[in-house]
């Protein structure tokens, strides 16, 4: 079975905009999707990126236009300046890891988290909010929330970050297939083309 490593951060609008699409692609092509939440700052420290509020005004304005344009393309609602943003997604990220480690599919929990920030003005740093999401998707909130607070799960997130950097993931979401990184939800169609054609992965010249 083919594998796609899915590097993301639960507060990323671009992860939100691509989440359903990449999950549908994996299901359609019977590909294993490895959910790998990362510490985005660690990636940015290597790639030279900075948080949106520290970017030049022209880039901040373009980002807001881009979010609206991409949301319309993906047919998703979006609040470009949500109530709880910036927000710390570390606990939500770690719940995803805990779910995966316990054999659960985190797809629908993640969808709740991402829409929580970018469509519903929820505070995803609030444990009670995450517990509600887990219940809504039919999961017992207790075990994954407890596991998410362990050092073992925190270590997996940091290892994911190191692996993302090694794979040349300069931001999120990045999907890595056959060692080739596809950065951004607008690269999903190109990833599907690579899957369908079976072409050799591209490498730096």
Protein backbone atom coordinates (compact mmCIF):
# COMPACT_ATOMS: atom_id res chain seq x y z
CA UNK A 1 0.00 0.00 0.00
CA UNK A 2 1.24 3.48 -0.88
CA UNK A 3 1.85 5.89 2.00
CA UNK A 4 1.50 9.67 2.29
CA UNK A 5 3.05 11.41 5.28
CA UNK A 6 0.70 14.25 6.22
CA UNK A 7 2.53 17.00 8.12
CA UNK A 8 0.22 19.62 9.61
CA UNK A 9 -0.58 21.96 12.49
CA UNK A 10 -4.12 22.13 13.86
CA UNK A 11 -4.30 25.94 13.75
CA UNK A 12 -3.31 26.26 10.08
CA UNK A 13 -5.95 27.68 7.72
CA UNK A 14 -4.33 25.96 4.77
CA UNK A 15 -4.46 22.63 6.59
CA UNK A 16 -8.18 23.32 7.12
CA UNK A 17 -8.72 24.08 3.44
CA UNK A 18 -7.02 20.90 2.28
CA UNK A 19 -7.98 18.43 5.00
CA UNK A 20 -11.11 16.92 3.47
CA UNK A 21 -9.49 16.87 0.03
CA UNK A 22 -6.37 14.95 1.10
CA UNK A 23 -8.44 12.50 3.17
CA UNK A 24 -10.77 11.86 0.25
CA UNK A 25 -7.80 11.35 -2.05
CA UNK A 26 -6.26 8.79 0.30
CA UNK A 27 -9.57 6.93 0.59
CA UNK A 28 -10.19 6.99 -3.16
CA UNK A 29 -6.76 5.63 -4.03
CA UNK A 30 -6.53 3.30 -1.01
CA UNK A 31 -3.44 5.09 0.29
CA UNK A 32 -2.33 5.05 3.93
CA UNK A 33 -2.35 8.57 5.37
CA UNK A 34 0.18 9.02 8.17
CA UNK A 35 -1.04 11.87 10.39
CA UNK A 36 2.02 13.75 11.64
CA UNK A 37 1.32 16.93 13.63
CA UNK A 38 4.34 19.22 13.93
CA UNK A 39 5.63 22.22 15.82
CA UNK A 40 5.29 24.75 13.01
CA UNK A 41 7.76 27.17 14.56
CA UNK A 42 10.49 24.54 14.25
CA UNK A 43 9.82 24.32 10.50
CA UNK A 44 9.70 28.09 10.13
CA UNK A 45 13.00 28.48 11.99
CA UNK A 46 14.61 26.44 9.21
CA UNK A 47 12.68 27.81 6.22
CA UNK A 48 12.87 31.48 7.25
CA UNK A 49 9.11 32.02 7.52
CA UNK A 50 7.51 34.17 10.24
CA UNK A 51 4.00 34.33 11.78
CA UNK A 52 1.39 36.23 9.72
CA UNK A 53 1.38 39.25 12.04
CA UNK A 54 5.13 39.74 11.51
CA UNK A 55 4.94 39.75 7.70
CA UNK A 56 5.00 42.92 5.58
CA UNK A 57 1.53 44.49 5.21
CA UNK A 58 1.35 43.61 1.51
CA UNK A 59 1.79 39.92 2.34
CA UNK A 60 -0.75 40.10 5.15
CA UNK A 61 -3.33 41.60 2.78
CA UNK A 62 -2.65 39.03 0.09
CA UNK A 63 -3.00 36.21 2.62
CA UNK A 64 -6.53 37.38 3.47
CA UNK A 65 -7.47 37.46 -0.20
CA UNK A 66 -5.93 34.05 -0.78
CA UNK A 67 -7.86 32.51 2.10
CA UNK A 68 -11.16 33.74 0.69
CA UNK A 69 -10.29 32.60 -2.82
CA UNK A 70 -9.19 29.12 -1.72
CA UNK A 71 -12.18 28.67 0.59
CA UNK A 72 -14.51 29.44 -2.31
CA UNK A 73 -12.60 26.95 -4.50
CA UNK A 74 -12.85 24.23 -1.84
CA UNK A 75 -16.46 25.21 -1.06
CA UNK A 76 -15.75 25.72 2.63
CA UNK A 77 -16.81 28.52 4.99
CA UNK A 78 -14.00 30.63 6.44
CA UNK A 79 -13.49 33.49 8.86
CA UNK A 80 -10.26 35.12 7.80
CA UNK A 81 -9.82 36.81 11.19
CA UNK A 82 -11.26 34.26 13.62
CA UNK A 83 -11.98 35.08 17.25
CA UNK A 84 -9.35 32.69 18.61
CA UNK A 85 -6.31 33.24 16.44
CA UNK A 86 -3.43 33.06 17.04
CA UNK A 87 -4.17 30.01 19.18
CA UNK A 88 -1.97 27.27 20.61
CA UNK A 89 -2.93 23.99 18.90
CA UNK A 90 -0.42 21.84 20.79
CA UNK A 91 -3.02 19.91 22.80
CA UNK A 92 -5.18 19.30 19.72
CA UNK A 93 -2.11 18.14 17.79
CA UNK A 94 -1.23 15.74 20.58
CA UNK A 95 -4.78 14.36 20.74
CA UNK A 96 -4.41 13.48 17.04
CA UNK A 97 -1.22 11.60 17.88
CA UNK A 98 -2.89 9.85 20.81
CA UNK A 99 -5.80 8.77 18.62
CA UNK A 100 -3.47 7.44 15.94
CA UNK A 101 -1.36 5.58 18.49
CA UNK A 102 -4.51 3.93 19.82
CA UNK A 103 -5.62 2.79 16.37
CA UNK A 104 -8.34 5.40 15.81
CA UNK A 105 -8.79 7.36 12.59
CA UNK A 106 -8.29 11.03 13.58
CA UNK A 107 -9.80 12.40 10.35
CA UNK A 108 -13.13 13.54 11.75
CA UNK A 109 -11.78 14.87 15.03
CA UNK A 110 -9.27 16.90 13.04
CA UNK A 111 -12.02 18.23 10.80
CA UNK A 112 -13.87 19.46 13.91
CA UNK A 113 -10.72 21.15 15.24
CA UNK A 114 -9.84 22.89 11.98
CA UNK A 115 -13.39 24.08 11.36
CA UNK A 116 -13.52 25.12 15.01
CA UNK A 117 -10.83 27.72 14.42
CA UNK A 118 -11.60 28.81 10.88
CA UNK A 119 -15.39 28.60 10.66
CA UNK A 120 -16.92 28.43 14.14
CA UNK A 121 -14.90 30.75 16.41
CA UNK A 122 -14.12 27.96 18.90
CA UNK A 123 -11.13 28.03 21.23
CA UNK A 124 -9.25 24.85 20.36
CA UNK A 125 -6.80 25.43 23.21
CA UNK A 126 -9.69 24.72 25.61
CA UNK A 127 -9.68 21.09 26.72
CA UNK A 128 -13.47 21.13 27.15
CA UNK A 129 -13.87 22.11 23.49
CA UNK A 130 -11.66 19.22 22.40
CA UNK A 131 -13.57 16.84 24.65
CA UNK A 132 -16.80 17.96 22.98
CA UNK A 133 -15.33 17.32 19.52
CA UNK A 134 -14.23 13.82 20.54
CA UNK A 135 -17.70 13.04 21.83
CA UNK A 136 -19.28 14.41 18.66
CA UNK A 137 -17.30 11.95 16.54
CA UNK A 138 -18.21 9.03 18.77
CA UNK A 139 -15.02 8.76 20.84
CA UNK A 140 -14.52 8.66 24.58
CA UNK A 141 -12.65 11.92 25.37
CA UNK A 142 -10.90 10.60 28.49
CA UNK A 143 -8.15 8.32 27.14
CA UNK A 144 -6.91 10.49 24.24
CA UNK A 145 -6.91 13.67 26.34
CA UNK A 146 -4.96 11.91 29.09
CA UNK A 147 -2.49 10.39 26.63
CA UNK A 148 -2.06 13.77 24.90
CA UNK A 149 -0.50 15.16 28.08
CA UNK A 150 2.23 12.51 28.29
CA UNK A 151 5.90 13.05 27.52
CA UNK A 152 5.78 10.14 25.07
CA UNK A 153 3.21 11.87 22.87
CA UNK A 154 5.05 15.22 23.11
CA UNK A 155 8.20 13.43 21.95
CA UNK A 156 6.37 12.05 18.90
CA UNK A 157 5.32 15.58 17.89
CA UNK A 158 8.91 16.77 18.13
CA UNK A 159 10.11 13.74 16.15
CA UNK A 160 7.49 14.51 13.50
CA UNK A 161 8.90 18.04 13.30
CA UNK A 162 12.42 16.74 12.76
CA UNK A 163 11.19 14.34 10.08
CA UNK A 164 9.30 17.14 8.35
CA UNK A 165 12.43 19.29 8.26
CA UNK A 166 14.45 16.37 6.90
CA UNK A 167 11.80 15.93 4.18
CA UNK A 168 12.13 19.64 3.19
CA UNK A 169 8.68 20.58 4.49
CA UNK A 170 8.97 24.36 4.70
CA UNK A 171 5.45 24.83 6.09
CA UNK A 172 2.08 23.12 6.50
CA UNK A 173 0.35 21.25 5.21
CA UNK A 174 3.06 19.25 3.50
CA UNK A 175 2.29 15.86 2.01
CA UNK A 176 5.30 13.61 1.36
CA UNK A 177 4.88 10.82 -1.18
CA UNK A 178 7.81 8.64 -2.26
CA UNK A 179 10.12 11.15 -0.60
CA UNK A 180 8.78 14.05 -2.67
CA UNK A 181 7.31 16.94 -0.68
CA UNK A 182 4.11 18.64 -1.84
CA UNK A 183 3.77 21.86 0.17
CA UNK A 184 0.35 23.43 0.41
CA UNK A 185 -3.22 22.31 -0.09
CA UNK A 186 -3.08 23.66 -3.63
CA UNK A 187 -0.60 20.87 -4.45
CA UNK A 188 -3.07 18.07 -3.75
CA UNK A 189 -4.04 17.78 -7.41
CA UNK A 190 -0.36 17.47 -8.34
CA UNK A 191 0.05 14.78 -5.69
CA UNK A 192 -2.88 12.88 -7.16
CA UNK A 193 -1.28 13.10 -10.60
CA UNK A 194 1.89 11.55 -9.18
CA UNK A 195 -0.17 8.76 -7.64
CA UNK A 196 -2.16 8.04 -10.79
CA UNK A 197 0.74 8.09 -13.23
CA UNK A 198 3.22 6.27 -10.98
CA UNK A 199 5.92 8.66 -12.15
CA UNK A 200 9.32 8.74 -10.47
CA UNK A 201 9.56 11.30 -7.67
CA UNK A 202 11.24 14.58 -8.47
CA UNK A 203 14.47 15.40 -6.68
CA UNK A 204 16.52 18.59 -6.37
CA UNK A 205 18.68 19.00 -9.45
